[in-house]
Amino acid sequence: MSRPLSERRSSGTGEKMEAAAAERAPAASGGGVAPLGPRAAAVPERLQRREAERQREAERRRQEKAAQAVQEEQSGFFVAAFSRERAAIEALLGPGPGQAEEEEAEEVTGRPESLEEAAARLQGLQKLLTDSVRFLAPYEVRQAQEALSRLQGALTAKRQQLQPKKRFAFRARRKEAESAPPAAPAGQLPAESAPPAAPAGQLPAEGEGSGPPLCGFSQAEAQTLELGPSELLQRDVLLVDLSDCRVLLRGNPNTLRVRDCRGCTVLCGPVSTSVLVDGCSDCLLVLACQQLRTHRTRDTRIYVQVTSRAIVEDCRGVRFAPYTWSYPGIEGDYESSGLDRGRNNWNLVDDFDWLARDEPSPNWSVIPEQDRITQWD
């Protein structure tokens, strides 16, 4: 006997509900968690990646902060040590040339020994700077190099004061005319010429010589110009306003300044202290020195041995290579100059117009090895 229609519908609905409950039963009875959809599963992964990135960034900042603290500590140590040693050297050099004669006479007593000690400590101060340039800011390097140049100038000036002075004597004007020294060759500076003396107690400015004696060449064109060891020994050399000249400086100058030269080749022996290149273009310079500063210079090749970091400022197209010039007697000139032949920072250059540390300066470059000059004769 068949059931009524309403009863059959109720029975069908109950069967469907039981089947659905049976499908949900495993999840409700602890048989496992139902799998999440793709979008829900991606949320924890993103959170994990974000947390890992945050931790890496925090670690990078912590390392940068620690490195900055170490650098500041090293810089502070250098500034304190440099200032202390500079004050000791200035005390050894004593007062400036404008002091009263009696004070100067007392000061000169025992002066050679004091000057030798000052010279030795000055070399130690230069070594301190050379060893510290890797963690110093460019402006700190520049200030230290300027201070070293002034100290070296003051030392040379004091040594000149100890030289025996010529005895005064009357002589007839006719004899003076007869005994006058011959005129300097065309383009050569007079042997006794010198820049004006600095005011009393003032040290020479950076890049300037310490006073007499000064030698060099000026306003010459298309000439070969030479100076030898006896003419250069611990002299301040100036080359200015030369055009298409070849200059050979075989010896040991105290300082060298090359200014406003165009299309020139300059080959120079070991320089005891600093070389300043300013306002030059299309030149070839071969230099060995403690300090090298290059200003307002264009399209110039520099073969250099330098014990500190070279500096360029307002320059374009300056290229560097290691110093390779040699001549008879250069070993003796190295010895008298005090330069360390085993130390050469020819490719460590600070550009004061380019402060980005993660990108190379476009104002200077290294000469490729295959393009370097090896024969100079």
Protein backbone atom coordinates (compact mmCIF):
# COMPACT_ATOMS: atom_id res chain seq x y z
CA MET A 1 0.00 0.00 0.00
CA SER A 2 1.46 3.27 -1.02
CA ARG A 3 2.13 6.15 1.39
CA PRO A 4 0.54 9.56 1.00
CA LEU A 5 2.41 12.17 -1.08
CA SER A 6 3.07 14.45 1.89
CA GLU A 7 4.66 11.62 3.83
CA ARG A 8 6.92 10.71 0.91
CA ARG A 9 8.12 14.35 0.63
CA SER A 10 8.89 14.50 4.34
CA SER A 11 10.84 11.29 4.15
CA GLY A 12 12.92 12.53 1.18
CA THR A 13 13.80 15.74 2.94
CA GLY A 14 14.91 13.87 6.05
CA GLU A 15 17.16 11.61 4.04
CA LYS A 16 18.92 14.59 2.45
CA MET A 17 19.49 16.25 5.84
CA GLU A 18 20.92 13.02 7.25
CA ALA A 19 23.31 12.74 4.30
CA ALA A 20 24.56 16.30 4.81
CA ALA A 21 25.02 15.68 8.54
CA ALA A 22 26.97 12.54 7.73
CA GLU A 23 29.33 14.56 5.50
CA ARG A 24 29.95 17.06 8.32
CA ALA A 25 30.36 14.43 10.99
CA PRO A 26 34.09 13.69 10.50
CA ALA A 27 35.02 17.33 10.98
CA ALA A 28 32.85 17.65 14.08
CA SER A 29 34.18 14.46 15.63
CA GLY A 30 37.84 15.55 15.50
CA GLY A 31 38.74 13.74 12.30
CA GLY A 32 40.74 16.85 11.10
CA VAL A 33 40.45 20.56 10.32
CA ALA A 34 38.87 21.37 7.08
CA PRO A 35 41.47 22.74 4.57
CA LEU A 36 41.61 26.52 4.11
CA GLY A 37 41.07 28.08 0.74
CA PRO A 38 44.06 29.46 -1.31
CA ARG A 39 43.43 33.08 -0.30
CA ALA A 40 43.19 32.21 3.42
CA ALA A 41 46.43 30.14 3.27
CA ALA A 42 48.43 33.03 1.69
CA VAL A 43 47.84 35.38 4.64
CA PRO A 44 50.22 33.65 7.13
CA GLU A 45 52.95 33.36 4.47
CA ARG A 46 52.84 37.09 3.79
CA LEU A 47 53.01 37.80 7.50
CA GLN A 48 56.04 35.53 7.85
CA ARG A 49 57.84 37.18 4.94
CA ARG A 50 57.07 40.63 6.32
CA GLU A 51 58.39 39.66 9.74
CA ALA A 52 61.58 38.23 8.22
CA GLU A 53 62.14 41.44 6.22
CA ARG A 54 61.56 43.53 9.34
CA GLN A 55 64.13 41.51 11.27
CA ARG A 56 66.69 41.80 8.45
CA GLU A 57 66.20 45.56 8.27
CA ALA A 58 66.55 45.87 12.05
CA GLU A 59 69.80 43.86 11.94
CA ARG A 60 71.17 46.00 9.10
CA ARG A 61 70.42 49.20 11.03
CA ARG A 62 72.02 47.75 14.14
CA GLN A 63 75.21 46.90 12.22
CA GLU A 64 75.31 50.35 10.61
CA LYS A 65 74.91 52.00 13.99
CA ALA A 66 77.69 49.88 15.47
CA ALA A 67 79.99 50.64 12.52
CA GLN A 68 79.23 54.35 12.83
CA ALA A 69 80.03 54.24 16.54
CA VAL A 70 83.38 52.54 15.83
CA GLN A 71 84.18 55.07 13.10
CA GLU A 72 83.35 58.00 15.36
CA GLU A 73 85.48 56.47 18.11
CA GLN A 74 88.42 56.02 15.70
CA SER A 75 87.94 59.54 14.31
CA GLY A 76 87.86 60.99 17.81
CA PHE A 77 91.06 59.16 18.72
CA PHE A 78 92.77 60.47 15.57
CA VAL A 79 91.70 64.07 16.20
CA ALA A 80 92.95 63.96 19.80
CA ALA A 81 96.28 62.32 18.88
CA PHE A 82 96.82 64.61 15.89
CA SER A 83 96.08 67.76 17.91
CA ARG A 84 98.36 66.67 20.73
CA GLU A 85 101.27 65.90 18.41
CA ARG A 86 100.76 69.07 16.37
CA ALA A 87 100.93 71.17 19.55
CA ALA A 88 104.18 69.44 20.52
CA ILE A 89 105.71 70.20 17.10
CA GLU A 90 104.61 73.84 17.25
CA ALA A 91 106.23 74.13 20.69
CA LEU A 92 109.49 72.75 19.28
CA LEU A 93 109.39 75.20 16.39
CA GLY A 94 108.94 78.09 18.80
CA PRO A 95 107.64 81.65 18.08
CA GLY A 96 107.41 83.17 14.64
CA PRO A 97 110.01 85.33 12.91
CA GLY A 98 108.55 88.59 14.21
CA GLN A 99 109.74 88.13 17.81
CA ALA A 100 112.32 90.43 19.38
CA GLU A 101 115.94 89.67 18.56
CA GLU A 102 116.85 88.77 22.14
CA GLU A 103 113.99 86.27 22.33
CA GLU A 104 115.03 84.84 19.00
CA ALA A 105 118.63 84.51 20.18
CA GLU A 106 117.47 82.57 23.22
CA GLU A 107 115.17 80.48 21.05
CA VAL A 108 117.98 79.55 18.66
CA THR A 109 120.04 78.11 21.53
CA GLY A 110 119.95 74.36 21.02
CA ARG A 111 117.69 74.90 17.99
CA PRO A 112 119.23 72.27 15.63
CA GLU A 113 118.38 69.49 18.06
CA SER A 114 114.85 70.84 18.49
CA LEU A 115 114.37 71.10 14.73
CA GLU A 116 115.54 67.53 14.20
CA GLU A 117 113.09 66.33 16.82
CA ALA A 118 110.34 68.39 15.19
CA ALA A 119 111.18 66.85 11.80
CA ALA A 120 111.02 63.32 13.21
CA ARG A 121 107.70 63.97 14.94
CA LEU A 122 106.35 65.57 11.77
CA GLN A 123 107.10 62.37 9.87
CA GLY A 124 105.28 60.41 12.58
CA LEU A 125 102.30 62.75 12.25
CA GLN A 126 102.22 62.16 8.50
CA LYS A 127 102.25 58.40 9.09
CA LEU A 128 99.36 58.75 11.56
CA LEU A 129 97.32 60.51 8.90
CA THR A 130 98.24 57.97 6.21
CA ASP A 131 97.18 55.07 8.43
CA SER A 132 93.90 56.76 9.38
CA VAL A 133 92.53 57.98 6.05
CA ARG A 134 90.35 54.88 5.60
CA PHE A 135 87.96 55.92 8.38
CA LEU A 136 88.24 59.73 8.21
CA ALA A 137 85.77 61.99 6.46
CA PRO A 138 87.14 63.91 3.43
CA TYR A 139 87.03 67.25 5.25
CA GLU A 140 89.06 65.76 8.13
CA VAL A 141 91.70 64.53 5.68
CA ARG A 142 91.85 67.95 4.04
CA GLN A 143 92.23 69.79 7.36
CA ALA A 144 94.98 67.43 8.50
CA GLN A 145 96.87 67.77 5.22
CA GLU A 146 96.67 71.56 5.40
CA ALA A 147 98.01 71.48 8.96
CA LEU A 148 100.90 69.23 7.88
CA SER A 149 101.75 71.60 5.01
CA ARG A 150 101.84 74.57 7.37
CA LEU A 151 104.02 72.71 9.88
CA GLN A 152 106.42 71.65 7.13
CA GLY A 153 106.61 75.23 5.92
CA ALA A 154 107.34 76.51 9.40
CA LEU A 155 110.06 73.86 9.86
CA THR A 156 111.75 74.87 6.61
CA ALA A 157 111.56 78.55 7.57
CA LYS A 158 113.22 77.86 10.92
CA ARG A 159 115.99 75.93 9.20
CA GLN A 160 116.59 78.90 6.92
CA GLN A 161 116.96 81.16 9.96
CA LEU A 162 119.84 79.00 11.18
CA GLN A 163 121.77 79.37 7.94
CA PRO A 164 124.85 81.61 8.33
CA LYS A 165 124.10 85.17 7.26
CA LYS A 166 126.32 87.04 4.81
CA ARG A 167 128.61 89.58 6.44
CA PHE A 168 127.82 93.18 5.62
CA ALA A 169 130.44 95.11 3.68
CA PHE A 170 130.58 98.38 1.73
CA ARG A 171 131.45 98.11 -1.92
CA ALA A 172 131.63 100.52 -4.82
CA ARG A 173 128.73 100.69 -7.20
CA ARG A 174 131.02 99.92 -10.12
CA LYS A 175 132.23 96.74 -8.46
CA GLU A 176 128.65 95.78 -7.67
CA ALA A 177 127.76 96.11 -11.32
CA GLU A 178 130.79 94.07 -12.35
CA SER A 179 130.11 91.32 -9.83
CA ALA A 180 126.33 91.16 -10.36
CA PRO A 181 125.16 87.59 -11.06
CA PRO A 182 124.18 86.80 -14.63
CA ALA A 183 120.53 87.06 -15.55
CA ALA A 184 118.48 83.93 -15.26
CA PRO A 185 117.75 82.07 -18.49
CA ALA A 186 114.55 82.92 -20.31
CA GLY A 187 111.60 81.51 -18.42
CA GLN A 188 113.57 80.68 -15.25
CA LEU A 189 112.69 82.30 -11.97
CA PRO A 190 115.52 84.20 -10.24
CA ALA A 191 117.38 81.96 -7.81
CA GLU A 192 116.65 84.14 -4.79
CA SER A 193 113.08 85.11 -5.64
CA ALA A 194 110.49 84.30 -3.02
CA PRO A 195 106.87 85.05 -2.17
CA PRO A 196 106.21 87.73 0.45
CA ALA A 197 106.92 86.56 3.97
CA ALA A 198 103.94 85.66 6.15
CA PRO A 199 103.07 88.02 9.03
CA ALA A 200 104.77 87.46 12.35
CA GLY A 201 103.68 84.20 13.92
CA GLN A 202 101.59 83.15 10.91
CA LEU A 203 102.36 79.85 9.20
CA PRO A 204 102.38 79.65 5.39
CA ALA A 205 99.07 78.93 3.72
CA GLU A 206 98.31 75.49 2.34
CA GLY A 207 100.15 74.89 -0.92
CA GLU A 208 102.50 77.80 -0.39
CA GLY A 209 106.20 77.49 0.19
CA SER A 210 107.88 78.45 3.41
CA GLY A 211 109.84 81.32 1.92
CA PRO A 212 113.26 81.45 0.28
CA PRO A 213 114.78 79.78 -1.52
CA LEU A 214 112.30 79.46 -4.42
CA CYS A 215 113.12 78.27 -7.92
CA GLY A 216 111.32 77.20 -11.05
CA PHE A 217 110.11 78.43 -14.44
CA SER A 218 107.39 80.77 -15.69
CA GLN A 219 105.95 82.14 -18.92
CA ALA A 220 107.80 79.80 -21.27
CA GLU A 221 106.51 78.14 -24.43
CA ALA A 222 107.67 75.07 -26.35
CA GLN A 223 110.94 74.67 -24.41
CA THR A 224 112.79 71.92 -22.57
CA LEU A 225 113.49 73.15 -19.03
CA GLU A 226 115.71 71.34 -16.52
CA LEU A 227 116.91 71.64 -12.91
CA GLY A 228 119.39 69.29 -11.22
CA PRO A 229 119.96 67.92 -7.70
CA SER A 230 122.02 70.83 -6.38
CA GLU A 231 119.43 73.35 -7.59
CA LEU A 232 116.46 71.44 -6.19
CA LEU A 233 117.59 70.07 -2.83
CA GLN A 234 114.88 71.01 -0.30
CA ARG A 235 113.85 74.00 -2.41
CA ASP A 236 110.30 75.17 -3.06
CA VAL A 237 109.68 74.84 -6.80
CA LEU A 238 107.13 76.84 -8.80
CA LEU A 239 106.08 76.13 -12.38
CA VAL A 240 103.61 78.73 -13.62
CA ASP A 241 102.12 79.78 -16.95
CA LEU A 242 103.99 77.29 -19.12
CA SER A 243 102.75 76.12 -22.52
CA ASP A 244 103.84 73.01 -24.44
CA CYS A 245 107.01 72.66 -22.37
CA ARG A 246 108.90 69.59 -21.17
CA VAL A 247 110.18 70.08 -17.61
CA LEU A 248 112.75 67.71 -16.04
CA LEU A 249 113.32 68.10 -12.28
CA ARG A 250 115.98 65.57 -11.27
CA GLY A 251 116.41 65.96 -7.52
CA ASN A 252 114.59 66.31 -4.21
CA PRO A 253 112.46 69.48 -3.87
CA ASN A 254 110.71 70.39 -0.65
CA THR A 255 107.43 71.38 -2.33
CA LEU A 256 106.20 71.67 -5.92
CA ARG A 257 103.46 73.91 -7.30
CA VAL A 258 102.27 73.59 -10.90
CA ARG A 259 99.89 76.38 -11.89
CA ASP A 260 98.18 77.46 -15.11
CA CYS A 261 100.18 75.14 -17.35
CA ARG A 262 98.85 73.89 -20.69
CA GLY A 263 100.01 70.93 -22.75
CA CYS A 264 103.13 70.39 -20.62
CA THR A 265 105.03 67.30 -19.52
CA VAL A 266 106.52 67.56 -16.01
CA LEU A 267 108.78 64.80 -14.65
CA CYS A 268 109.85 65.37 -11.04
CA GLY A 269 111.93 63.42 -8.53
CA PRO A 270 110.76 62.70 -4.96
CA VAL A 271 109.16 65.72 -3.25
CA SER A 272 109.59 65.75 0.54
CA THR A 273 106.15 67.14 1.32
CA SER A 274 103.32 68.31 -0.93
CA VAL A 275 102.50 68.91 -4.58
CA LEU A 276 99.76 71.34 -5.61
CA VAL A 277 98.40 71.26 -9.17
CA ASP A 278 96.07 74.14 -9.98
CA GLY A 279 94.44 75.39 -13.15
CA CYS A 280 96.21 73.02 -15.57
CA SER A 281 94.92 71.35 -18.74
CA ASP A 282 96.11 68.65 -21.16
CA CYS A 283 99.25 67.98 -19.11
CA LEU A 284 101.27 64.86 -18.27
CA LEU A 285 102.60 64.98 -14.70
CA VAL A 286 104.97 62.43 -13.13
CA LEU A 287 105.23 63.03 -9.38
CA ALA A 288 106.32 61.37 -6.12
CA CYS A 289 105.26 63.06 -2.87
CA GLN A 290 103.56 62.75 0.51
CA GLN A 291 100.48 64.78 -0.43
CA LEU A 292 98.89 65.59 -3.79
CA ARG A 293 96.10 68.13 -4.26
CA THR A 294 94.67 68.89 -7.68
CA HIS A 295 92.36 71.87 -8.29
CA ARG A 296 90.61 73.24 -11.39
CA THR A 297 92.41 70.82 -13.70
CA ARG A 298 91.13 69.27 -16.94
CA ASP A 299 92.14 66.32 -19.13
CA THR A 300 95.43 65.61 -17.35
CA ARG A 301 97.28 62.34 -16.76
CA ILE A 302 99.12 61.98 -13.44
CA TYR A 303 101.65 59.20 -12.78
CA VAL A 304 102.08 59.41 -9.04
CA GLN A 305 103.55 57.84 -5.95
CA VAL A 306 101.78 59.32 -2.93
CA THR A 307 101.85 58.10 0.66
CA SER A 308 98.48 59.65 1.59
CA ARG A 309 95.25 59.78 -0.40
CA ALA A 310 95.32 62.14 -3.37
CA ILE A 311 92.66 64.85 -3.52
CA VAL A 312 90.88 66.33 -6.53
CA GLU A 313 88.54 69.30 -6.44
CA ASP A 314 86.73 71.03 -9.31
CA CYS A 315 88.44 68.69 -11.80
CA ARG A 316 87.34 66.88 -14.96
CA GLY A 317 89.01 64.11 -16.91
CA VAL A 318 91.93 63.53 -14.53
CA ARG A 319 93.47 60.05 -14.88
CA PHE A 320 95.93 58.29 -12.60
CA ALA A 321 98.64 55.62 -12.90
CA PRO A 322 101.58 54.55 -10.69
CA TYR A 323 104.87 56.47 -10.80
CA THR A 324 107.42 54.81 -13.11
CA TRP A 325 110.07 57.46 -13.86
CA SER A 326 113.68 56.79 -12.94
CA TYR A 327 117.04 58.52 -13.43
CA PRO A 328 120.60 58.15 -12.09
CA GLY A 329 120.66 59.18 -8.42
CA ILE A 330 116.96 58.77 -7.70
CA GLU A 331 117.68 56.35 -4.83
CA GLY A 332 119.61 59.07 -3.00
CA ASP A 333 116.79 61.54 -3.63
CA TYR A 334 114.27 59.11 -2.15
CA GLU A 335 116.45 58.75 0.92
CA SER A 336 116.79 62.50 1.45
CA SER A 337 113.08 63.05 0.86
CA GLY A 338 112.00 60.54 3.51
CA LEU A 339 109.36 59.00 1.23
CA ASP A 340 108.50 55.35 1.76
CA ARG A 341 108.89 53.64 -1.63
CA GLY A 342 106.89 50.68 -0.39
CA ARG A 343 103.74 52.78 0.13
CA ASN A 344 101.85 54.08 -2.88
CA ASN A 345 98.18 55.07 -2.80
CA TRP A 346 98.11 56.17 -6.45
CA ASN A 347 94.59 54.83 -7.03
CA LEU A 348 93.05 56.04 -3.73
CA VAL A 349 91.61 59.43 -4.63
CA ASP A 350 89.14 61.60 -2.71
CA ASP A 351 86.94 63.84 -4.87
CA PHE A 352 85.59 66.68 -2.74
CA ASP A 353 82.92 67.36 -5.37
CA TRP A 354 81.57 63.79 -5.26
CA LEU A 355 80.28 62.65 -1.89
CA ALA A 356 78.37 59.51 -2.96
CA ARG A 357 80.21 56.53 -1.51
CA ASP A 358 78.33 53.84 -3.39
CA GLU A 359 79.14 55.24 -6.86
CA PRO A 360 82.55 56.10 -8.38
CA SER A 361 83.35 59.71 -9.16
CA PRO A 362 83.00 60.64 -12.85
CA ASN A 363 85.75 63.25 -12.51
CA TRP A 364 88.75 60.90 -12.30
CA SER A 365 89.67 57.42 -13.47
CA VAL A 366 92.53 54.92 -13.71
CA ILE A 367 94.63 54.69 -16.86
CA PRO A 368 94.30 51.15 -18.29
CA GLU A 369 97.51 49.16 -17.90
CA GLN A 370 97.93 48.71 -21.64
CA ASP A 371 97.80 52.50 -22.15
CA ARG A 372 100.40 53.44 -19.51
CA ILE A 373 103.76 54.96 -20.41
CA THR A 374 106.78 52.92 -19.32
CA GLN A 375 109.64 54.60 -21.25
CA TRP A 376 110.22 58.29 -20.55
CA ASP A 377 113.44 59.04 -22.47
